Each structure stands twice: as C-alpha cells, then as structure tokens.
C-alpha cells in the first residue's frame, strides 16, 4: 500500500483548487442524510456546513469533547483564529489526502499522522 506524497505547492493544493469538489462532497453527504438519516441530522449537518463557510471553523457544540479536546473536520486558515480563541493550541491532521502544512494552514504546533480512509 502506497501513501500519497504531500503536495508542497499551496497553489496546487486540492483544498484550494477544488471548491466545487468540496461542495459536491457536501451535497452527496446531504443526500445520504436525507435518504438514510432523520431530518434533524440533516439540519445539524447543514448548520455546521454554513457555520464553517462563515467562520472557517467547526461548531463547538458538535466538536468539543472535553475542554482540552476538539474533534472536527478541516478548519480553514481564517478558522484557526477562531479555534485559538476557543483555547486550541495544536492540531493533528489524520487525513492522507490533504497536507495542512503544504496548504499553509498548519499552526506551529502541528502533527500529521496520515491514515488511509476506510481502514
């Protein structure tokens, strides 16, 4: 099994390059929710999606596990300020397909632990 090499050019980084792909992923997730989940799950997902779009950071209600631990999806560069205001001091990226350092959004205390999806 080969782990993809990180992309070191922020301009060609997938997250900056493919907004439509990200929106398509969100749409298919919404479709899954509409078909297989309760309406409140879909509404919560949409609320989180729009919050991330506006603030760049995940909703604390759905992501803060303890006062010291937040488990969430990808934050945006402007979202790191929001997260530091919440007391976040470091990040761990476990996605193999994205590299926060290459995208220029990794904080100074950052660890990348690549994990393949569905393993």
PDB file of N, CA and C in Angstrom:
ATOM      1  N   UNK A   1       0.850  -1.172   0.000  1.00  0.00           N
ATOM      2  CA  UNK A   1       0.000   0.000   0.000  1.00  0.00           C
ATOM      3  C   UNK A   1       0.895   1.235   0.000  1.00  0.00           C
ATOM      4  N   UNK A   2       0.645   2.129  -0.923  1.00  0.00           N
ATOM      5  CA  UNK A   2       1.452   3.329  -1.080  1.00  0.00           C
ATOM      6  C   UNK A   2       0.712   4.533  -0.518  1.00  0.00           C
ATOM      7  N   UNK A   3       1.398   5.287   0.320  1.00  0.00           N
ATOM      8  CA  UNK A   3       0.821   6.511   0.877  1.00  0.00           C
ATOM      9  C   UNK A   3       1.157   7.650  -0.068  1.00  0.00           C
ATOM     10  N   UNK A   4       0.154   8.450  -0.473  1.00  0.00           N
ATOM     11  CA  UNK A   4       0.425   9.560  -1.384  1.00  0.00           C
ATOM     12  C   UNK A   4       1.399  10.556  -0.771  1.00  0.00           C
ATOM     13  N   UNK A   5       2.262  11.100  -1.596  1.00  0.00           N
ATOM     14  CA  UNK A   5       3.218  12.102  -1.144  1.00  0.00           C
ATOM     15  C   UNK A   5       2.502  13.446  -0.987  1.00  0.00           C
ATOM     16  N   UNK A   6       2.884  14.222   0.038  1.00  0.00           N
ATOM     17  CA  UNK A   6       2.246  15.524   0.218  1.00  0.00           C
ATOM     18  C   UNK A   6       2.560  16.467  -0.933  1.00  0.00           C
ATOM     19  N   UNK A   7       1.616  17.332  -1.202  1.00  0.00           N
ATOM     20  CA  UNK A   7       1.797  18.358  -2.228  1.00  0.00           C
ATOM     21  C   UNK A   7       2.383  19.578  -1.536  1.00  0.00           C
ATOM     22  N   UNK A   8       3.501  20.083  -2.027  1.00  0.00           N
ATOM     23  CA  UNK A   8       4.167  21.182  -1.341  1.00  0.00           C
ATOM     24  C   UNK A   8       3.922  22.540  -1.978  1.00  0.00           C
ATOM     25  N   UNK A   9       3.082  22.608  -2.982  1.00  0.00           N
ATOM     26  CA  UNK A   9       2.769  23.880  -3.626  1.00  0.00           C
ATOM     27  C   UNK A   9       1.369  24.306  -3.195  1.00  0.00           C
ATOM     28  N   UNK A  10       1.248  25.344  -2.337  1.00  0.00           N
ATOM     29  CA  UNK A  10      -0.069  25.762  -1.863  1.00  0.00           C
ATOM     30  C   UNK A  10      -1.049  26.110  -2.976  1.00  0.00           C
ATOM     31  N   UNK A  11      -0.564  26.557  -4.120  1.00  0.00           N
ATOM     32  CA  UNK A  11      -1.465  26.928  -5.211  1.00  0.00           C
ATOM     33  C   UNK A  11      -2.097  25.709  -5.882  1.00  0.00           C
ATOM     34  N   UNK A  12      -1.433  24.562  -5.819  1.00  0.00           N
ATOM     35  CA  UNK A  12      -1.994  23.361  -6.438  1.00  0.00           C
ATOM     36  C   UNK A  12      -2.601  22.425  -5.406  1.00  0.00           C
ATOM     37  N   UNK A  13      -2.625  22.840  -4.161  1.00  0.00           N
ATOM     38  CA  UNK A  13      -3.192  22.014  -3.102  1.00  0.00           C
ATOM     39  C   UNK A  13      -4.674  21.797  -3.369  1.00  0.00           C
ATOM     40  N   UNK A  14      -5.138  20.578  -3.194  1.00  0.00           N
ATOM     41  CA  UNK A  14      -6.504  20.195  -3.548  1.00  0.00           C
ATOM     42  C   UNK A  14      -7.560  21.071  -2.882  1.00  0.00           C
ATOM     43  N   UNK A  15      -7.364  21.416  -1.618  1.00  0.00           N
ATOM     44  CA  UNK A  15      -8.369  22.208  -0.922  1.00  0.00           C
ATOM     45  C   UNK A  15      -8.515  23.602  -1.508  1.00  0.00           C
ATOM     46  N   UNK A  16      -7.462  24.157  -2.024  1.00  0.00           N
ATOM     47  CA  UNK A  16      -7.539  25.497  -2.605  1.00  0.00           C
ATOM     48  C   UNK A  16      -7.981  25.437  -4.052  1.00  0.00           C
ATOM     49  N   UNK A  17      -7.819  24.302  -4.662  1.00  0.00           N
ATOM     50  CA  UNK A  17      -8.037  24.179  -6.089  1.00  0.00           C
ATOM     51  C   UNK A  17      -9.457  23.742  -6.432  1.00  0.00           C
ATOM     52  N   UNK A  18     -10.115  23.038  -5.538  1.00  0.00           N
ATOM     53  CA  UNK A  18     -11.346  22.374  -5.916  1.00  0.00           C
ATOM     54  C   UNK A  18     -12.511  22.672  -4.971  1.00  0.00           C
ATOM     55  N   UNK A  19     -12.971  23.885  -4.984  1.00  0.00           N
ATOM     56  CA  UNK A  19     -14.125  24.254  -4.172  1.00  0.00           C
ATOM     57  C   UNK A  19     -15.350  23.467  -4.617  1.00  0.00           C
ATOM     58  N   UNK A  20     -15.509  23.290  -5.924  1.00  0.00           N
ATOM     59  CA  UNK A  20     -16.658  22.535  -6.436  1.00  0.00           C
ATOM     60  C   UNK A  20     -16.638  21.092  -5.963  1.00  0.00           C
ATOM     61  N   UNK A  21     -15.449  20.505  -5.888  1.00  0.00           N
ATOM     62  CA  UNK A  21     -15.350  19.126  -5.401  1.00  0.00           C
ATOM     63  C   UNK A  21     -15.772  19.054  -3.935  1.00  0.00           C
ATOM     64  N   UNK A  22     -15.342  20.030  -3.145  1.00  0.00           N
ATOM     65  CA  UNK A  22     -15.746  20.068  -1.745  1.00  0.00           C
ATOM     66  C   UNK A  22     -17.257  20.229  -1.611  1.00  0.00           C
ATOM     67  N   UNK A  23     -17.842  21.099  -2.424  1.00  0.00           N
ATOM     68  CA  UNK A  23     -19.296  21.279  -2.397  1.00  0.00           C
ATOM     69  C   UNK A  23     -20.017  20.005  -2.814  1.00  0.00           C
ATOM     70  N   UNK A  24     -19.469  19.312  -3.819  1.00  0.00           N
ATOM     71  CA  UNK A  24     -20.077  18.058  -4.265  1.00  0.00           C
ATOM     72  C   UNK A  24     -20.043  17.019  -3.144  1.00  0.00           C
ATOM     73  N   UNK A  25     -18.940  16.950  -2.397  1.00  0.00           N
ATOM     74  CA  UNK A  25     -18.855  16.031  -1.263  1.00  0.00           C
ATOM     75  C   UNK A  25     -19.922  16.369  -0.228  1.00  0.00           C
ATOM     76  N   UNK A  26     -20.101  17.655   0.028  1.00  0.00           N
ATOM     77  CA  UNK A  26     -21.122  18.071   0.986  1.00  0.00           C
ATOM     78  C   UNK A  26     -22.520  17.705   0.495  1.00  0.00           C
ATOM     79  N   UNK A  27     -22.760  17.895  -0.790  1.00  0.00           N
ATOM     80  CA  UNK A  27     -24.064  17.570  -1.363  1.00  0.00           C
ATOM     81  C   UNK A  27     -24.354  16.075  -1.257  1.00  0.00           C
ATOM     82  N   UNK A  28     -23.379  15.232  -1.586  1.00  0.00           N
ATOM     83  CA  UNK A  28     -23.611  13.787  -1.505  1.00  0.00           C
ATOM     84  C   UNK A  28     -23.816  13.355  -0.059  1.00  0.00           C
ATOM     85  N   UNK A  29     -23.137  14.016   0.865  1.00  0.00           N
ATOM     86  CA  UNK A  29     -23.350  13.729   2.278  1.00  0.00           C
ATOM     87  C   UNK A  29     -24.762  14.130   2.696  1.00  0.00           C
ATOM     88  N   UNK A  30     -25.227  15.263   2.203  1.00  0.00           N
ATOM     89  CA  UNK A  30     -26.593  15.709   2.473  1.00  0.00           C
ATOM     90  C   UNK A  30     -27.600  14.720   1.899  1.00  0.00           C
ATOM     91  N   UNK A  31     -27.354  14.272   0.683  1.00  0.00           N
ATOM     92  CA  UNK A  31     -28.238  13.293   0.048  1.00  0.00           C
ATOM     93  C   UNK A  31     -28.307  12.013   0.880  1.00  0.00           C
ATOM     94  N   UNK A  32     -27.164  11.539   1.355  1.00  0.00           N
ATOM     95  CA  UNK A  32     -27.112  10.361   2.218  1.00  0.00           C
ATOM     96  C   UNK A  32     -27.956  10.603   3.469  1.00  0.00           C
ATOM     97  N   UNK A  33     -27.804  11.783   4.056  1.00  0.00           N
ATOM     98  CA  UNK A  33     -28.564  12.108   5.250  1.00  0.00           C
ATOM     99  C   UNK A  33     -30.056  12.138   5.004  1.00  0.00           C
ATOM    100  N   UNK A  34     -30.460  12.690   3.871  1.00  0.00           N
ATOM    101  CA  UNK A  34     -31.887  12.758   3.549  1.00  0.00           C
ATOM    102  C   UNK A  34     -32.487  11.377   3.355  1.00  0.00           C
ATOM    103  N   UNK A  35     -31.724  10.474   2.767  1.00  0.00           N
ATOM    104  CA  UNK A  35     -32.233   9.136   2.470  1.00  0.00           C
ATOM    105  C   UNK A  35     -32.175   8.225   3.689  1.00  0.00           C
ATOM    106  N   UNK A  36     -31.095   8.283   4.446  1.00  0.00           N
ATOM    107  CA  UNK A  36     -30.874   7.288   5.486  1.00  0.00           C
ATOM    108  C   UNK A  36     -30.921   7.806   6.923  1.00  0.00           C
ATOM    109  N   UNK A  37     -30.997   9.104   7.126  1.00  0.00           N
ATOM    110  CA  UNK A  37     -30.965   9.648   8.476  1.00  0.00           C
ATOM    111  C   UNK A  37     -32.238  10.441   8.770  1.00  0.00           C
ATOM    112  N   UNK A  38     -32.366  10.844  10.004  1.00  0.00           N
ATOM    113  CA  UNK A  38     -33.501  11.659  10.414  1.00  0.00           C
ATOM    114  C   UNK A  38     -33.296  13.105   9.956  1.00  0.00           C
ATOM    115  N   UNK A  39     -34.382  13.858   9.771  1.00  0.00           N
ATOM    116  CA  UNK A  39     -34.261  15.256   9.327  1.00  0.00           C
ATOM    117  C   UNK A  39     -33.391  16.121  10.239  1.00  0.00           C
ATOM    118  N   UNK A  40     -33.427  15.867  11.549  1.00  0.00           N
ATOM    119  CA  UNK A  40     -32.609  16.687  12.454  1.00  0.00           C
ATOM    120  C   UNK A  40     -31.112  16.483  12.209  1.00  0.00           C
ATOM    121  N   UNK A  41     -30.715  15.296  11.744  1.00  0.00           N
ATOM    122  CA  UNK A  41     -29.308  15.049  11.409  1.00  0.00           C
ATOM    123  C   UNK A  41     -28.913  15.905  10.209  1.00  0.00           C
ATOM    124  N   UNK A  42     -29.795  15.966   9.224  1.00  0.00           N
ATOM    125  CA  UNK A  42     -29.537  16.765   8.019  1.00  0.00           C
ATOM    126  C   UNK A  42     -29.457  18.247   8.375  1.00  0.00           C
ATOM    127  N   UNK A  43     -30.378  18.718   9.190  1.00  0.00           N
ATOM    128  CA  UNK A  43     -30.389  20.125   9.590  1.00  0.00           C
ATOM    129  C   UNK A  43     -29.119  20.470  10.373  1.00  0.00           C
ATOM    130  N   UNK A  44     -28.706  19.588  11.273  1.00  0.00           N
ATOM    131  CA  UNK A  44     -27.467  19.815  12.026  1.00  0.00           C
ATOM    132  C   UNK A  44     -26.263  19.873  11.097  1.00  0.00           C
ATOM    133  N   UNK A  45     -26.220  18.978  10.119  1.00  0.00           N
ATOM    134  CA  UNK A  45     -25.122  18.966   9.152  1.00  0.00           C
ATOM    135  C   UNK A  45     -25.076  20.239   8.328  1.00  0.00           C
ATOM    136  N   UNK A  46     -26.243  20.700   7.892  1.00  0.00           N
ATOM    137  CA  UNK A  46     -26.303  21.948   7.124  1.00  0.00           C
ATOM    138  C   UNK A  46     -25.875  23.141   7.976  1.00  0.00           C
ATOM    139  N   UNK A  47     -26.314  23.156   9.220  1.00  0.00           N
ATOM    140  CA  UNK A  47     -25.954  24.240  10.126  1.00  0.00           C
ATOM    141  C   UNK A  47     -24.437  24.291  10.310  1.00  0.00           C
ATOM    142  N   UNK A  48     -23.819  23.122  10.512  1.00  0.00           N
ATOM    143  CA  UNK A  48     -22.366  23.064  10.657  1.00  0.00           C
ATOM    144  C   UNK A  48     -21.671  23.497   9.368  1.00  0.00           C
ATOM    145  N   UNK A  49     -22.187  23.066   8.230  1.00  0.00           N
ATOM    146  CA  UNK A  49     -21.602  23.431   6.938  1.00  0.00           C
ATOM    147  C   UNK A  49     -21.591  24.951   6.754  1.00  0.00           C
ATOM    148  N   UNK A  50     -22.724  25.600   7.025  1.00  0.00           N
ATOM    149  CA  UNK A  50     -22.796  27.050   6.844  1.00  0.00           C
ATOM    150  C   UNK A  50     -21.968  27.795   7.893  1.00  0.00           C
ATOM    151  N   UNK A  51     -21.893  27.253   9.104  1.00  0.00           N
ATOM    152  CA  UNK A  51     -21.037  27.858  10.127  1.00  0.00           C
ATOM    153  C   UNK A  51     -19.578  27.820   9.699  1.00  0.00           C
ATOM    154  N   UNK A  52     -19.143  26.672   9.160  1.00  0.00           N
ATOM    155  CA  UNK A  52     -17.765  26.554   8.665  1.00  0.00           C
ATOM    156  C   UNK A  52     -17.517  27.525   7.510  1.00  0.00           C
ATOM    157  N   UNK A  53     -18.507  27.662   6.635  1.00  0.00           N
ATOM    158  CA  UNK A  53     -18.352  28.570   5.493  1.00  0.00           C
ATOM    159  C   UNK A  53     -18.198  30.019   5.964  1.00  0.00           C
ATOM    160  N   UNK A  54     -18.909  30.392   7.019  1.00  0.00           N
ATOM    161  CA  UNK A  54     -18.862  31.770   7.512  1.00  0.00           C
ATOM    162  C   UNK A  54     -17.666  32.044   8.416  1.00  0.00           C
ATOM    163  N   UNK A  55     -17.351  31.103   9.316  1.00  0.00           N
ATOM    164  CA  UNK A  55     -16.303  31.353  10.311  1.00  0.00           C
ATOM    165  C   UNK A  55     -14.971  30.691   9.980  1.00  0.00           C
ATOM    166  N   UNK A  56     -15.007  29.640   9.152  1.00  0.00           N
ATOM    167  CA  UNK A  56     -13.790  28.898   8.846  1.00  0.00           C
ATOM    168  C   UNK A  56     -13.474  27.822   9.865  1.00  0.00           C
ATOM    169  N   UNK A  57     -14.331  27.688  10.895  1.00  0.00           N
ATOM    170  CA  UNK A  57     -14.086  26.716  11.966  1.00  0.00           C
ATOM    171  C   UNK A  57     -15.359  25.915  12.249  1.00  0.00           C
ATOM    172  N   UNK A  58     -15.205  24.724  12.811  1.00  0.00           N
ATOM    173  CA  UNK A  58     -16.374  23.905  13.130  1.00  0.00           C
ATOM    174  C   UNK A  58     -17.147  24.460  14.324  1.00  0.00           C
ATOM    175  N   UNK A  59     -18.397  24.033  14.439  1.00  0.00           N
ATOM    176  CA  UNK A  59     -19.225  24.441  15.572  1.00  0.00           C
ATOM    177  C   UNK A  59     -18.725  23.748  16.831  1.00  0.00           C
ATOM    178  N   UNK A  60     -18.573  24.503  17.890  1.00  0.00           N
ATOM    179  CA  UNK A  60     -18.069  23.938  19.137  1.00  0.00           C
ATOM    180  C   UNK A  60     -19.062  22.923  19.713  1.00  0.00           C
ATOM    181  N   UNK A  61     -20.338  23.140  19.494  1.00  0.00           N
ATOM    182  CA  UNK A  61     -21.372  22.251  20.034  1.00  0.00           C
ATOM    183  C   UNK A  61     -21.184  20.806  19.578  1.00  0.00           C
ATOM    184  N   UNK A  62     -20.743  20.623  18.353  1.00  0.00           N
ATOM    185  CA  UNK A  62     -20.596  19.281  17.804  1.00  0.00           C
ATOM    186  C   UNK A  62     -19.161  18.779  17.812  1.00  0.00           C
ATOM    187  N   UNK A  63     -18.221  19.600  18.226  1.00  0.00           N
ATOM    188  CA  UNK A  63     -16.826  19.186  18.105  1.00  0.00           C
ATOM    189  C   UNK A  63     -16.046  19.137  19.416  1.00  0.00           C
ATOM    190  N   UNK A  64     -16.474  19.848  20.449  1.00  0.00           N
ATOM    191  CA  UNK A  64     -15.707  19.859  21.692  1.00  0.00           C
ATOM    192  C   UNK A  64     -16.071  18.643  22.535  1.00  0.00           C
ATOM    193  N   UNK A  65     -15.076  17.761  22.726  1.00  0.00           N
ATOM    194  CA  UNK A  65     -15.273  16.539  23.502  1.00  0.00           C
ATOM    195  C   UNK A  65     -15.023  16.810  24.982  1.00  0.00           C
ATOM    196  N   UNK A  66     -13.926  17.475  25.288  1.00  0.00           N
ATOM    197  CA  UNK A  66     -13.588  17.932  26.639  1.00  0.00           C
ATOM    198  C   UNK A  66     -13.078  19.367  26.485  1.00  0.00           C
ATOM    199  N   UNK A  67     -12.834  20.075  27.597  1.00  0.00           N
ATOM    200  CA  UNK A  67     -12.280  21.425  27.453  1.00  0.00           C
ATOM    201  C   UNK A  67     -10.935  21.451  26.720  1.00  0.00           C
ATOM    202  N   UNK A  68     -10.216  20.324  26.718  1.00  0.00           N
ATOM    203  CA  UNK A  68      -8.910  20.280  26.073  1.00  0.00           C
ATOM    204  C   UNK A  68      -8.920  19.639  24.690  1.00  0.00           C
ATOM    205  N   UNK A  69     -10.000  18.963  24.307  1.00  0.00           N
ATOM    206  CA  UNK A  69     -10.008  18.208  23.047  1.00  0.00           C
ATOM    207  C   UNK A  69     -11.191  18.604  22.173  1.00  0.00           C
ATOM    208  N   UNK A  70     -10.872  18.964  20.927  1.00  0.00           N
ATOM    209  CA  UNK A  70     -11.890  19.228  19.915  1.00  0.00           C
ATOM    210  C   UNK A  70     -11.633  18.261  18.769  1.00  0.00           C
ATOM    211  N   UNK A  71     -12.654  17.520  18.386  1.00  0.00           N
ATOM    212  CA  UNK A  71     -12.551  16.591  17.261  1.00  0.00           C
ATOM    213  C   UNK A  71     -13.458  17.127  16.168  1.00  0.00           C
ATOM    214  N   UNK A  72     -12.864  17.458  15.040  1.00  0.00           N
ATOM    215  CA  UNK A  72     -13.663  18.080  13.989  1.00  0.00           C
ATOM    216  C   UNK A  72     -13.024  17.867  12.634  1.00  0.00           C
ATOM    217  N   UNK A  73     -13.768  18.244  11.633  1.00  0.00           N
ATOM    218  CA  UNK A  73     -13.255  18.210  10.275  1.00  0.00           C
ATOM    219  C   UNK A  73     -12.297  19.359  10.032  1.00  0.00           C
ATOM    220  N   UNK A  74     -11.985  19.561   8.805  1.00  0.00           N
ATOM    221  CA  UNK A  74     -10.992  20.549   8.405  1.00  0.00           C
ATOM    222  C   UNK A  74     -11.419  21.976   8.741  1.00  0.00           C
ATOM    223  N   UNK A  75     -10.502  22.717   9.325  1.00  0.00           N
ATOM    224  CA  UNK A  75     -10.710  24.148   9.525  1.00  0.00           C
ATOM    225  C   UNK A  75     -10.065  24.883   8.362  1.00  0.00           C
ATOM    226  N   UNK A  76     -10.469  26.117   8.155  1.00  0.00           N
ATOM    227  CA  UNK A  76      -9.848  26.949   7.124  1.00  0.00           C
ATOM    228  C   UNK A  76      -8.815  27.851   7.790  1.00  0.00           C
ATOM    229  N   UNK A  77      -7.994  28.493   6.989  1.00  0.00           N
ATOM    230  CA  UNK A  77      -6.928  29.342   7.534  1.00  0.00           C
ATOM    231  C   UNK A  77      -7.497  30.391   8.485  1.00  0.00           C
ATOM    232  N   UNK A  78      -8.555  31.062   8.080  1.00  0.00           N
ATOM    233  CA  UNK A  78      -9.145  32.091   8.951  1.00  0.00           C
ATOM    234  C   UNK A  78      -9.807  31.474  10.177  1.00  0.00           C
ATOM    235  N   UNK A  79     -10.139  30.178  10.102  1.00  0.00           N
ATOM    236  CA  UNK A  79     -10.754  29.486  11.226  1.00  0.00           C
ATOM    237  C   UNK A  79      -9.796  29.204  12.363  1.00  0.00           C
ATOM    238  N   UNK A  80      -8.485  29.190  12.073  1.00  0.00           N
ATOM    239  CA  UNK A  80      -7.520  28.927  13.146  1.00  0.00           C
ATOM    240  C   UNK A  80      -7.602  30.006  14.223  1.00  0.00           C
ATOM    241  N   UNK A  81      -7.856  31.253  13.830  1.00  0.00           N
ATOM    242  CA  UNK A  81      -8.007  32.338  14.816  1.00  0.00           C
ATOM    243  C   UNK A  81      -9.195  32.042  15.732  1.00  0.00           C
ATOM    244  N   UNK A  82     -10.290  31.581  15.155  1.00  0.00           N
ATOM    245  CA  UNK A  82     -11.477  31.223  15.944  1.00  0.00           C
ATOM    246  C   UNK A  82     -11.130  30.101  16.917  1.00  0.00           C
ATOM    247  N   UNK A  83     -10.414  29.099  16.431  1.00  0.00           N
ATOM    248  CA  UNK A  83     -10.052  27.963  17.281  1.00  0.00           C
ATOM    249  C   UNK A  83      -9.113  28.380  18.413  1.00  0.00           C
ATOM    250  N   UNK A  84      -8.158  29.265  18.144  1.00  0.00           N
ATOM    251  CA  UNK A  84      -7.260  29.713  19.215  1.00  0.00           C
ATOM    252  C   UNK A  84      -8.023  30.525  20.257  1.00  0.00           C
ATOM    253  N   UNK A  85      -9.037  31.264  19.829  1.00  0.00           N
ATOM    254  CA  UNK A  85      -9.877  31.991  20.786  1.00  0.00           C
ATOM    255  C   UNK A  85     -10.648  31.027  21.680  1.00  0.00           C
ATOM    256  N   UNK A  86     -10.883  29.815  21.201  1.00  0.00           N
ATOM    257  CA  UNK A  86     -11.551  28.773  21.997  1.00  0.00           C
ATOM    258  C   UNK A  86     -10.562  28.008  22.873  1.00  0.00           C
ATOM    259  N   UNK A  87      -9.283  28.323  22.752  1.00  0.00           N
ATOM    260  CA  UNK A  87      -8.275  27.672  23.578  1.00  0.00           C
ATOM    261  C   UNK A  87      -7.500  26.564  22.895  1.00  0.00           C
ATOM    262  N   UNK A  88      -7.709  26.348  21.614  1.00  0.00           N
ATOM    263  CA  UNK A  88      -6.981  25.309  20.887  1.00  0.00           C
ATOM    264  C   UNK A  88      -5.540  25.773  20.687  1.00  0.00           C
ATOM    265  N   UNK A  89      -4.581  24.892  20.984  1.00  0.00           N
ATOM    266  CA  UNK A  89      -3.165  25.259  20.885  1.00  0.00           C
ATOM    267  C   UNK A  89      -2.391  24.414  19.883  1.00  0.00           C
ATOM    268  N   UNK A  90      -2.981  23.331  19.388  1.00  0.00           N
ATOM    269  CA  UNK A  90      -2.272  22.448  18.454  1.00  0.00           C
ATOM    270  C   UNK A  90      -3.292  21.713  17.595  1.00  0.00           C
ATOM    271  N   UNK A  91      -2.807  21.144  16.489  1.00  0.00           N
ATOM    272  CA  UNK A  91      -3.702  20.354  15.636  1.00  0.00           C
ATOM    273  C   UNK A  91      -3.017  19.068  15.208  1.00  0.00           C
ATOM    274  N   UNK A  92      -3.835  18.058  14.961  1.00  0.00           N
ATOM    275  CA  UNK A  92      -3.372  16.785  14.418  1.00  0.00           C
ATOM    276  C   UNK A  92      -4.199  16.525  13.170  1.00  0.00           C
ATOM    277  N   UNK A  93      -3.535  16.349  12.049  1.00  0.00           N
ATOM    278  CA  UNK A  93      -4.212  16.054  10.783  1.00  0.00           C
ATOM    279  C   UNK A  93      -4.012  14.575  10.482  1.00  0.00           C
ATOM    280  N   UNK A  94      -5.099  13.822  10.404  1.00  0.00           N
ATOM    281  CA  UNK A  94      -5.011  12.385  10.144  1.00  0.00           C
ATOM    282  C   UNK A  94      -5.413  12.029   8.721  1.00  0.00           C
ATOM    283  N   UNK A  95      -5.637  13.025   7.889  1.00  0.00           N
ATOM    284  CA  UNK A  95      -6.051  12.759   6.511  1.00  0.00           C
ATOM    285  C   UNK A  95      -4.832  12.539   5.630  1.00  0.00           C
ATOM    286  N   UNK A  96      -4.863  11.482   4.840  1.00  0.00           N
ATOM    287  CA  UNK A  96      -3.736  11.214   3.943  1.00  0.00           C
ATOM    288  C   UNK A  96      -3.830  12.043   2.673  1.00  0.00           C
ATOM    289  N   UNK A  97      -5.034  12.466   2.306  1.00  0.00           N
ATOM    290  CA  UNK A  97      -5.214  13.160   1.031  1.00  0.00           C
ATOM    291  C   UNK A  97      -4.941  14.661   1.098  1.00  0.00           C
ATOM    292  N   UNK A  98      -4.826  15.235   2.278  1.00  0.00           N
ATOM    293  CA  UNK A  98      -4.576  16.666   2.420  1.00  0.00           C
ATOM    294  C   UNK A  98      -3.390  16.910   3.343  1.00  0.00           C
ATOM    295  N   UNK A  99      -2.657  17.944   3.076  1.00  0.00           N
ATOM    296  CA  UNK A  99      -1.497  18.311   3.881  1.00  0.00           C
ATOM    297  C   UNK A  99      -1.645  19.774   4.291  1.00  0.00           C
ATOM    298  N   UNK A 100      -1.955  19.997   5.560  1.00  0.00           N
ATOM    299  CA  UNK A 100      -2.163  21.359   6.058  1.00  0.00           C
ATOM    300  C   UNK A 100      -0.911  22.222   5.946  1.00  0.00           C
ATOM    301  N   UNK A 101       0.246  21.618   6.133  1.00  0.00           N
ATOM    302  CA  UNK A 101       1.490  22.385   6.010  1.00  0.00           C
ATOM    303  C   UNK A 101       1.673  22.882   4.583  1.00  0.00           C
ATOM    304  N   UNK A 102       1.419  22.021   3.606  1.00  0.00           N
ATOM    305  CA  UNK A 102       1.546  22.419   2.198  1.00  0.00           C
ATOM    306  C   UNK A 102       0.524  23.489   1.838  1.00  0.00           C
ATOM    307  N   UNK A 103      -0.642  23.426   2.464  1.00  0.00           N
ATOM    308  CA  UNK A 103      -1.691  24.409   2.191  1.00  0.00           C
ATOM    309  C   UNK A 103      -1.434  25.730   2.907  1.00  0.00           C
ATOM    310  N   UNK A 104      -0.472  25.717   3.817  1.00  0.00           N
ATOM    311  CA  UNK A 104      -0.156  26.945   4.538  1.00  0.00           C
ATOM    312  C   UNK A 104      -1.116  27.257   5.664  1.00  0.00           C
ATOM    313  N   UNK A 105      -1.813  26.238   6.192  1.00  0.00           N
ATOM    314  CA  UNK A 105      -2.782  26.483   7.262  1.00  0.00           C
ATOM    315  C   UNK A 105      -2.430  25.765   8.559  1.00  0.00           C
ATOM    316  N   UNK A 106      -1.289  25.100   8.608  1.00  0.00           N
ATOM    317  CA  UNK A 106      -0.892  24.382   9.818  1.00  0.00           C
ATOM    318  C   UNK A 106      -0.361  25.363  10.858  1.00  0.00           C
ATOM    319  N   UNK A 107      -0.798  25.229  12.111  1.00  0.00           N
ATOM    320  CA  UNK A 107      -0.242  26.079  13.165  1.00  0.00           C
ATOM    321  C   UNK A 107       1.177  25.620  13.514  1.00  0.00           C
ATOM    322  N   UNK A 108       1.842  26.352  14.380  1.00  0.00           N
ATOM    323  CA  UNK A 108       3.224  25.998  14.739  1.00  0.00           C
ATOM    324  C   UNK A 108       3.287  24.662  15.475  1.00  0.00           C
ATOM    325  N   UNK A 109       2.266  24.327  16.233  1.00  0.00           N
ATOM    326  CA  UNK A 109       2.204  23.029  16.917  1.00  0.00           C
ATOM    327  C   UNK A 109       1.252  22.138  16.125  1.00  0.00           C
ATOM    328  N   UNK A 110       1.808  21.399  15.181  1.00  0.00           N
ATOM    329  CA  UNK A 110       1.010  20.597  14.246  1.00  0.00           C
ATOM    330  C   UNK A 110       1.673  19.242  14.037  1.00  0.00           C
ATOM    331  N   UNK A 111       0.858  18.201  13.985  1.00  0.00           N
ATOM    332  CA  UNK A 111       1.349  16.854  13.725  1.00  0.00           C
ATOM    333  C   UNK A 111       0.505  16.235  12.626  1.00  0.00           C
ATOM    334  N   UNK A 112       1.162  15.634  11.663  1.00  0.00           N
ATOM    335  CA  UNK A 112       0.443  14.952  10.579  1.00  0.00           C
ATOM    336  C   UNK A 112       0.621  13.452  10.742  1.00  0.00           C
ATOM    337  N   UNK A 113      -0.479  12.751  10.966  1.00  0.00           N
ATOM    338  CA  UNK A 113      -0.497  11.294  11.083  1.00  0.00           C
ATOM    339  C   UNK A 113      -1.404  10.763   9.981  1.00  0.00           C
ATOM    340  N   UNK A 114      -0.864  10.536   8.824  1.00  0.00           N
ATOM    341  CA  UNK A 114      -1.661  10.091   7.673  1.00  0.00           C
ATOM    342  C   UNK A 114      -2.299   8.731   7.917  1.00  0.00           C
ATOM    343  N   UNK A 115      -3.608   8.668   7.721  1.00  0.00           N
ATOM    344  CA  UNK A 115      -4.350   7.415   7.836  1.00  0.00           C
ATOM    345  C   UNK A 115      -5.198   7.275   6.583  1.00  0.00           C
ATOM    346  N   UNK A 116      -5.132   6.125   5.947  1.00  0.00           N
ATOM    347  CA  UNK A 116      -5.952   5.879   4.757  1.00  0.00           C
ATOM    348  C   UNK A 116      -7.412   5.738   5.184  1.00  0.00           C
ATOM    349  N   UNK A 117      -8.328   6.294   4.403  1.00  0.00           N
ATOM    350  CA  UNK A 117      -9.755   6.160   4.697  1.00  0.00           C
ATOM    351  C   UNK A 117     -10.191   4.702   4.623  1.00  0.00           C
ATOM    352  N   UNK A 118     -11.236   4.383   5.388  1.00  0.00           N
ATOM    353  CA  UNK A 118     -11.866   3.057   5.385  1.00  0.00           C
ATOM    354  C   UNK A 118     -10.900   1.936   5.738  1.00  0.00           C
ATOM    355  N   UNK A 119      -9.988   2.217   6.659  1.00  0.00           N
ATOM    356  CA  UNK A 119      -9.067   1.162   7.093  1.00  0.00           C
ATOM    357  C   UNK A 119      -9.274   0.843   8.549  1.00  0.00           C
TER     358      UNK A 119
END
